[in-house]
């Protein structure tokens, strides 16, 4: 899964990883993306990770913001 590759070399704790993974899964579900090898999932993972660094904590809010910033409908 794309998001977990981003976590490998970061000092994130379990709570932060769970929060970002939740936001990632919510985003994929909202966009009806099921194919984890789709290049779009990597783009989404990077955006979720980027937004997660801003200290926004709510996975729903992170997901909505990622979709908005990526311009995906």
PDB file of N, CA and C in Angstrom:
ATOM      1  N   UNK A   1       0.837  -1.173   0.000  1.00  0.00           N
ATOM      2  CA  UNK A   1       0.000   0.000   0.000  1.00  0.00           C
ATOM      3  C   UNK A   1       0.882   1.235   0.000  1.00  0.00           C
ATOM      4  N   UNK A   2       0.549   2.180  -0.811  1.00  0.00           N
ATOM      5  CA  UNK A   2       1.382   3.358  -1.039  1.00  0.00           C
ATOM      6  C   UNK A   2       1.684   4.160   0.223  1.00  0.00           C
ATOM      7  N   UNK A   3       0.704   4.351   1.082  1.00  0.00           N
ATOM      8  CA  UNK A   3       0.913   5.191   2.259  1.00  0.00           C
ATOM      9  C   UNK A   3       1.928   4.582   3.222  1.00  0.00           C
ATOM     10  N   UNK A   4       1.937   3.272   3.338  1.00  0.00           N
ATOM     11  CA  UNK A   4       2.841   2.629   4.299  1.00  0.00           C
ATOM     12  C   UNK A   4       4.301   2.727   3.872  1.00  0.00           C
ATOM     13  N   UNK A   5       4.557   2.817   2.589  1.00  0.00           N
ATOM     14  CA  UNK A   5       5.931   3.025   2.118  1.00  0.00           C
ATOM     15  C   UNK A   5       6.470   4.370   2.582  1.00  0.00           C
ATOM     16  N   UNK A   6       5.600   5.357   2.679  1.00  0.00           N
ATOM     17  CA  UNK A   6       6.021   6.687   3.130  1.00  0.00           C
ATOM     18  C   UNK A   6       6.358   6.700   4.621  1.00  0.00           C
ATOM     19  N   UNK A   7       5.777   5.796   5.375  1.00  0.00           N
ATOM     20  CA  UNK A   7       6.012   5.754   6.820  1.00  0.00           C
ATOM     21  C   UNK A   7       7.340   5.106   7.194  1.00  0.00           C
ATOM     22  N   UNK A   8       7.949   4.380   6.281  1.00  0.00           N
ATOM     23  CA  UNK A   8       9.132   3.581   6.603  1.00  0.00           C
ATOM     24  C   UNK A   8      10.300   4.373   7.161  1.00  0.00           C
ATOM     25  N   UNK A   9      10.537   5.549   6.661  1.00  0.00           N
ATOM     26  CA  UNK A   9      11.716   6.310   7.097  1.00  0.00           C
ATOM     27  C   UNK A   9      11.335   7.604   7.800  1.00  0.00           C
ATOM     28  N   UNK A  10      10.265   7.550   8.578  1.00  0.00           N
ATOM     29  CA  UNK A  10       9.832   8.741   9.299  1.00  0.00           C
ATOM     30  C   UNK A  10       9.758   8.440  10.793  1.00  0.00           C
ATOM     31  N   UNK A  11       9.857   9.475  11.597  1.00  0.00           N
ATOM     32  CA  UNK A  11       9.783   9.274  13.046  1.00  0.00           C
ATOM     33  C   UNK A  11       8.352   9.306  13.586  1.00  0.00           C
ATOM     34  N   UNK A  12       7.369   8.981  12.760  1.00  0.00           N
ATOM     35  CA  UNK A  12       5.981   9.021  13.206  1.00  0.00           C
ATOM     36  C   UNK A  12       5.687   7.891  14.185  1.00  0.00           C
ATOM     37  N   UNK A  13       4.880   8.224  15.175  1.00  0.00           N
ATOM     38  CA  UNK A  13       4.458   7.213  16.139  1.00  0.00           C
ATOM     39  C   UNK A  13       3.240   6.463  15.634  1.00  0.00           C
ATOM     40  N   UNK A  14       2.860   5.418  16.349  1.00  0.00           N
ATOM     41  CA  UNK A  14       1.722   4.588  15.936  1.00  0.00           C
ATOM     42  C   UNK A  14       0.419   5.375  15.784  1.00  0.00           C
ATOM     43  N   UNK A  15       0.174   6.312  16.670  1.00  0.00           N
ATOM     44  CA  UNK A  15      -1.059   7.105  16.609  1.00  0.00           C
ATOM     45  C   UNK A  15      -1.104   7.945  15.333  1.00  0.00           C
ATOM     46  N   UNK A  16       0.016   8.578  15.003  1.00  0.00           N
ATOM     47  CA  UNK A  16       0.081   9.392  13.780  1.00  0.00           C
ATOM     48  C   UNK A  16      -0.062   8.525  12.531  1.00  0.00           C
ATOM     49  N   UNK A  17       0.572   7.380  12.541  1.00  0.00           N
ATOM     50  CA  UNK A  17       0.480   6.463  11.398  1.00  0.00           C
ATOM     51  C   UNK A  17      -0.965   5.998  11.215  1.00  0.00           C
ATOM     52  N   UNK A  18      -1.633   5.640  12.303  1.00  0.00           N
ATOM     53  CA  UNK A  18      -3.028   5.208  12.217  1.00  0.00           C
ATOM     54  C   UNK A  18      -3.929   6.324  11.695  1.00  0.00           C
ATOM     55  N   UNK A  19      -3.684   7.543  12.138  1.00  0.00           N
ATOM     56  CA  UNK A  19      -4.485   8.695  11.713  1.00  0.00           C
ATOM     57  C   UNK A  19      -4.340   8.926  10.212  1.00  0.00           C
ATOM     58  N   UNK A  20      -3.115   8.890   9.716  1.00  0.00           N
ATOM     59  CA  UNK A  20      -2.868   9.125   8.290  1.00  0.00           C
ATOM     60  C   UNK A  20      -3.345   7.948   7.445  1.00  0.00           C
ATOM     61  N   UNK A  21      -3.193   6.745   7.945  1.00  0.00           N
ATOM     62  CA  UNK A  21      -3.689   5.575   7.220  1.00  0.00           C
ATOM     63  C   UNK A  21      -5.211   5.624   7.118  1.00  0.00           C
ATOM     64  N   UNK A  22      -5.861   6.058   8.178  1.00  0.00           N
ATOM     65  CA  UNK A  22      -7.318   6.213   8.162  1.00  0.00           C
ATOM     66  C   UNK A  22      -7.728   7.245   7.112  1.00  0.00           C
ATOM     67  N   UNK A  23      -7.039   8.376   7.083  1.00  0.00           N
ATOM     68  CA  UNK A  23      -7.341   9.420   6.093  1.00  0.00           C
ATOM     69  C   UNK A  23      -7.129   8.897   4.676  1.00  0.00           C
ATOM     70  N   UNK A  24      -6.083   8.127   4.479  1.00  0.00           N
ATOM     71  CA  UNK A  24      -5.779   7.543   3.166  1.00  0.00           C
ATOM     72  C   UNK A  24      -6.893   6.595   2.732  1.00  0.00           C
ATOM     73  N   UNK A  25      -7.299   5.701   3.628  1.00  0.00           N
ATOM     74  CA  UNK A  25      -8.358   4.745   3.311  1.00  0.00           C
ATOM     75  C   UNK A  25      -9.672   5.460   3.031  1.00  0.00           C
ATOM     76  N   UNK A  26      -9.976   6.490   3.812  1.00  0.00           N
ATOM     77  CA  UNK A  26     -11.193   7.279   3.582  1.00  0.00           C
ATOM     78  C   UNK A  26     -11.172   7.931   2.205  1.00  0.00           C
ATOM     79  N   UNK A  27     -10.013   8.432   1.829  1.00  0.00           N
ATOM     80  CA  UNK A  27      -9.880   9.116   0.538  1.00  0.00           C
ATOM     81  C   UNK A  27     -10.071   8.135  -0.607  1.00  0.00           C
ATOM     82  N   UNK A  28      -9.437   6.975  -0.510  1.00  0.00           N
ATOM     83  CA  UNK A  28      -9.601   5.970  -1.563  1.00  0.00           C
ATOM     84  C   UNK A  28     -11.063   5.541  -1.677  1.00  0.00           C
ATOM     85  N   UNK A  29     -11.709   5.366  -0.543  1.00  0.00           N
ATOM     86  CA  UNK A  29     -13.118   4.962  -0.548  1.00  0.00           C
ATOM     87  C   UNK A  29     -13.982   6.065  -1.165  1.00  0.00           C
ATOM     88  N   UNK A  30     -13.735   7.311  -0.788  1.00  0.00           N
ATOM     89  CA  UNK A  30     -14.517   8.436  -1.318  1.00  0.00           C
ATOM     90  C   UNK A  30     -14.382   8.549  -2.831  1.00  0.00           C
ATOM     91  N   UNK A  31     -13.213   8.159  -3.347  1.00  0.00           N
ATOM     92  CA  UNK A  31     -12.953   8.250  -4.782  1.00  0.00           C
ATOM     93  C   UNK A  31     -13.201   6.926  -5.509  1.00  0.00           C
ATOM     94  N   UNK A  32     -13.701   5.942  -4.781  1.00  0.00           N
ATOM     95  CA  UNK A  32     -13.983   4.604  -5.337  1.00  0.00           C
ATOM     96  C   UNK A  32     -12.753   3.981  -5.994  1.00  0.00           C
ATOM     97  N   UNK A  33     -11.598   4.172  -5.379  1.00  0.00           N
ATOM     98  CA  UNK A  33     -10.361   3.576  -5.878  1.00  0.00           C
ATOM     99  C   UNK A  33     -10.118   2.271  -5.146  1.00  0.00           C
ATOM    100  N   UNK A  34     -10.073   1.188  -5.883  1.00  0.00           N
ATOM    101  CA  UNK A  34      -9.854  -0.124  -5.277  1.00  0.00           C
ATOM    102  C   UNK A  34      -8.508  -0.711  -5.658  1.00  0.00           C
ATOM    103  N   UNK A  35      -7.983  -0.311  -6.787  1.00  0.00           N
ATOM    104  CA  UNK A  35      -6.705  -0.834  -7.277  1.00  0.00           C
ATOM    105  C   UNK A  35      -5.562  -0.107  -6.572  1.00  0.00           C
ATOM    106  N   UNK A  36      -4.895  -0.802  -5.659  1.00  0.00           N
ATOM    107  CA  UNK A  36      -3.828  -0.182  -4.857  1.00  0.00           C
ATOM    108  C   UNK A  36      -2.573   0.123  -5.671  1.00  0.00           C
ATOM    109  N   UNK A  37      -2.446  -0.468  -6.852  1.00  0.00           N
ATOM    110  CA  UNK A  37      -1.275  -0.204  -7.687  1.00  0.00           C
ATOM    111  C   UNK A  37      -1.499   0.952  -8.648  1.00  0.00           C
ATOM    112  N   UNK A  38      -2.683   1.557  -8.608  1.00  0.00           N
ATOM    113  CA  UNK A  38      -2.991   2.700  -9.452  1.00  0.00           C
ATOM    114  C   UNK A  38      -2.042   3.846  -9.084  1.00  0.00           C
ATOM    115  N   UNK A  39      -1.395   4.482 -10.060  1.00  0.00           N
ATOM    116  CA  UNK A  39      -0.482   5.598  -9.758  1.00  0.00           C
ATOM    117  C   UNK A  39      -1.156   6.727  -8.974  1.00  0.00           C
ATOM    118  N   UNK A  40      -2.441   6.869  -9.117  1.00  0.00           N
ATOM    119  CA  UNK A  40      -3.165   7.900  -8.387  1.00  0.00           C
ATOM    120  C   UNK A  40      -3.104   7.655  -6.880  1.00  0.00           C
ATOM    121  N   UNK A  41      -3.046   6.391  -6.468  1.00  0.00           N
ATOM    122  CA  UNK A  41      -2.980   6.105  -5.037  1.00  0.00           C
ATOM    123  C   UNK A  41      -1.670   6.606  -4.429  1.00  0.00           C
ATOM    124  N   UNK A  42      -0.601   6.574  -5.201  1.00  0.00           N
ATOM    125  CA  UNK A  42       0.689   7.109  -4.724  1.00  0.00           C
ATOM    126  C   UNK A  42       0.595   8.621  -4.560  1.00  0.00           C
ATOM    127  N   UNK A  43      -0.027   9.285  -5.504  1.00  0.00           N
ATOM    128  CA  UNK A  43      -0.218  10.730  -5.431  1.00  0.00           C
ATOM    129  C   UNK A  43      -1.060  11.097  -4.206  1.00  0.00           C
ATOM    130  N   UNK A  44      -2.103  10.341  -3.986  1.00  0.00           N
ATOM    131  CA  UNK A  44      -2.964  10.567  -2.821  1.00  0.00           C
ATOM    132  C   UNK A  44      -2.185  10.342  -1.531  1.00  0.00           C
ATOM    133  N   UNK A  45      -1.397   9.285  -1.476  1.00  0.00           N
ATOM    134  CA  UNK A  45      -0.597   8.991  -0.279  1.00  0.00           C
ATOM    135  C   UNK A  45       0.349  10.143   0.039  1.00  0.00           C
ATOM    136  N   UNK A  46       1.010  10.665  -0.970  1.00  0.00           N
ATOM    137  CA  UNK A  46       1.937  11.782  -0.752  1.00  0.00           C
ATOM    138  C   UNK A  46       1.209  13.022  -0.241  1.00  0.00           C
ATOM    139  N   UNK A  47       0.025  13.280  -0.795  1.00  0.00           N
ATOM    140  CA  UNK A  47      -0.749  14.443  -0.369  1.00  0.00           C
ATOM    141  C   UNK A  47      -1.241  14.261   1.063  1.00  0.00           C
ATOM    142  N   UNK A  48      -1.718  13.079   1.412  1.00  0.00           N
ATOM    143  CA  UNK A  48      -2.162  12.795   2.780  1.00  0.00           C
ATOM    144  C   UNK A  48      -0.999  12.997   3.745  1.00  0.00           C
ATOM    145  N   UNK A  49       0.157  12.482   3.392  1.00  0.00           N
ATOM    146  CA  UNK A  49       1.343  12.616   4.238  1.00  0.00           C
ATOM    147  C   UNK A  49       1.707  14.096   4.407  1.00  0.00           C
ATOM    148  N   UNK A  50       1.667  14.841   3.321  1.00  0.00           N
ATOM    149  CA  UNK A  50       1.975  16.280   3.352  1.00  0.00           C
ATOM    150  C   UNK A  50       1.005  17.024   4.273  1.00  0.00           C
ATOM    151  N   UNK A  51      -0.267  16.776   4.119  1.00  0.00           N
ATOM    152  CA  UNK A  51      -1.273  17.434   4.959  1.00  0.00           C
ATOM    153  C   UNK A  51      -1.112  16.999   6.414  1.00  0.00           C
ATOM    154  N   UNK A  52      -0.768  15.762   6.632  1.00  0.00           N
ATOM    155  CA  UNK A  52      -0.561  15.256   7.983  1.00  0.00           C
ATOM    156  C   UNK A  52       0.546  15.972   8.723  1.00  0.00           C
ATOM    157  N   UNK A  53       1.485  16.522   8.004  1.00  0.00           N
ATOM    158  CA  UNK A  53       2.583  17.258   8.622  1.00  0.00           C
ATOM    159  C   UNK A  53       2.154  18.643   9.111  1.00  0.00           C
ATOM    160  N   UNK A  54       0.959  19.090   8.725  1.00  0.00           N
ATOM    161  CA  UNK A  54       0.469  20.403   9.136  1.00  0.00           C
ATOM    162  C   UNK A  54      -0.205  20.365  10.497  1.00  0.00           C
ATOM    163  N   UNK A  55      -0.279  19.201  11.081  1.00  0.00           N
ATOM    164  CA  UNK A  55      -0.877  18.978  12.407  1.00  0.00           C
ATOM    165  C   UNK A  55      -2.398  18.982  12.388  1.00  0.00           C
ATOM    166  N   UNK A  56      -3.007  18.878  11.214  1.00  0.00           N
ATOM    167  CA  UNK A  56      -4.443  18.630  11.170  1.00  0.00           C
ATOM    168  C   UNK A  56      -4.616  17.196  11.635  1.00  0.00           C
ATOM    169  N   UNK A  57      -5.464  16.983  12.620  1.00  0.00           N
ATOM    170  CA  UNK A  57      -5.538  15.663  13.238  1.00  0.00           C
ATOM    171  C   UNK A  57      -6.727  14.809  12.816  1.00  0.00           C
ATOM    172  N   UNK A  58      -7.785  15.406  12.343  1.00  0.00           N
ATOM    173  CA  UNK A  58      -8.988  14.662  12.000  1.00  0.00           C
ATOM    174  C   UNK A  58      -8.836  13.988  10.641  1.00  0.00           C
ATOM    175  N   UNK A  59      -8.875  12.649  10.586  1.00  0.00           N
ATOM    176  CA  UNK A  59      -8.723  11.942   9.309  1.00  0.00           C
ATOM    177  C   UNK A  59      -9.746  12.371   8.252  1.00  0.00           C
ATOM    178  N   UNK A  60     -10.981  12.662   8.679  1.00  0.00           N
ATOM    179  CA  UNK A  60     -12.003  13.121   7.729  1.00  0.00           C
ATOM    180  C   UNK A  60     -11.584  14.440   7.096  1.00  0.00           C
ATOM    181  N   UNK A  61     -11.083  15.337   7.905  1.00  0.00           N
ATOM    182  CA  UNK A  61     -10.659  16.649   7.413  1.00  0.00           C
ATOM    183  C   UNK A  61      -9.445  16.504   6.502  1.00  0.00           C
ATOM    184  N   UNK A  62      -8.512  15.650   6.865  1.00  0.00           N
ATOM    185  CA  UNK A  62      -7.333  15.416   6.027  1.00  0.00           C
ATOM    186  C   UNK A  62      -7.764  14.872   4.675  1.00  0.00           C
ATOM    187  N   UNK A  63      -8.688  13.927   4.676  1.00  0.00           N
ATOM    188  CA  UNK A  63      -9.176  13.333   3.438  1.00  0.00           C
ATOM    189  C   UNK A  63      -9.842  14.371   2.539  1.00  0.00           C
ATOM    190  N   UNK A  64     -10.744  15.145   3.111  1.00  0.00           N
ATOM    191  CA  UNK A  64     -11.444  16.180   2.340  1.00  0.00           C
ATOM    192  C   UNK A  64     -10.464  17.186   1.761  1.00  0.00           C
ATOM    193  N   UNK A  65      -9.504  17.593   2.556  1.00  0.00           N
ATOM    194  CA  UNK A  65      -8.511  18.563   2.100  1.00  0.00           C
ATOM    195  C   UNK A  65      -7.641  17.988   0.981  1.00  0.00           C
ATOM    196  N   UNK A  66      -7.273  16.731   1.090  1.00  0.00           N
ATOM    197  CA  UNK A  66      -6.466  16.078   0.059  1.00  0.00           C
ATOM    198  C   UNK A  66      -7.215  16.050  -1.271  1.00  0.00           C
ATOM    199  N   UNK A  67      -8.476  15.662  -1.220  1.00  0.00           N
ATOM    200  CA  UNK A  67      -9.288  15.617  -2.441  1.00  0.00           C
ATOM    201  C   UNK A  67      -9.397  16.999  -3.056  1.00  0.00           C
ATOM    202  N   UNK A  68      -9.628  17.993  -2.205  1.00  0.00           N
ATOM    203  CA  UNK A  68      -9.755  19.371  -2.689  1.00  0.00           C
ATOM    204  C   UNK A  68      -8.450  19.867  -3.303  1.00  0.00           C
ATOM    205  N   UNK A  69      -7.333  19.657  -2.622  1.00  0.00           N
ATOM    206  CA  UNK A  69      -6.045  20.146  -3.104  1.00  0.00           C
ATOM    207  C   UNK A  69      -5.598  19.434  -4.392  1.00  0.00           C
ATOM    208  N   UNK A  70      -5.969  18.180  -4.526  1.00  0.00           N
ATOM    209  CA  UNK A  70      -5.613  17.435  -5.729  1.00  0.00           C
ATOM    210  C   UNK A  70      -6.567  17.727  -6.884  1.00  0.00           C
ATOM    211  N   UNK A  71      -7.695  18.363  -6.581  1.00  0.00           N
ATOM    212  CA  UNK A  71      -8.659  18.709  -7.618  1.00  0.00           C
ATOM    213  C   UNK A  71      -9.359  17.496  -8.214  1.00  0.00           C
ATOM    214  N   UNK A  72      -9.534  16.476  -7.394  1.00  0.00           N
ATOM    215  CA  UNK A  72     -10.163  15.237  -7.850  1.00  0.00           C
ATOM    216  C   UNK A  72     -11.639  15.262  -7.465  1.00  0.00           C
ATOM    217  N   UNK A  73     -12.493  14.912  -8.405  1.00  0.00           N
ATOM    218  CA  UNK A  73     -13.934  14.851  -8.107  1.00  0.00           C
ATOM    219  C   UNK A  73     -14.512  13.521  -8.503  1.00  0.00           C
TER     220      UNK A  73
END
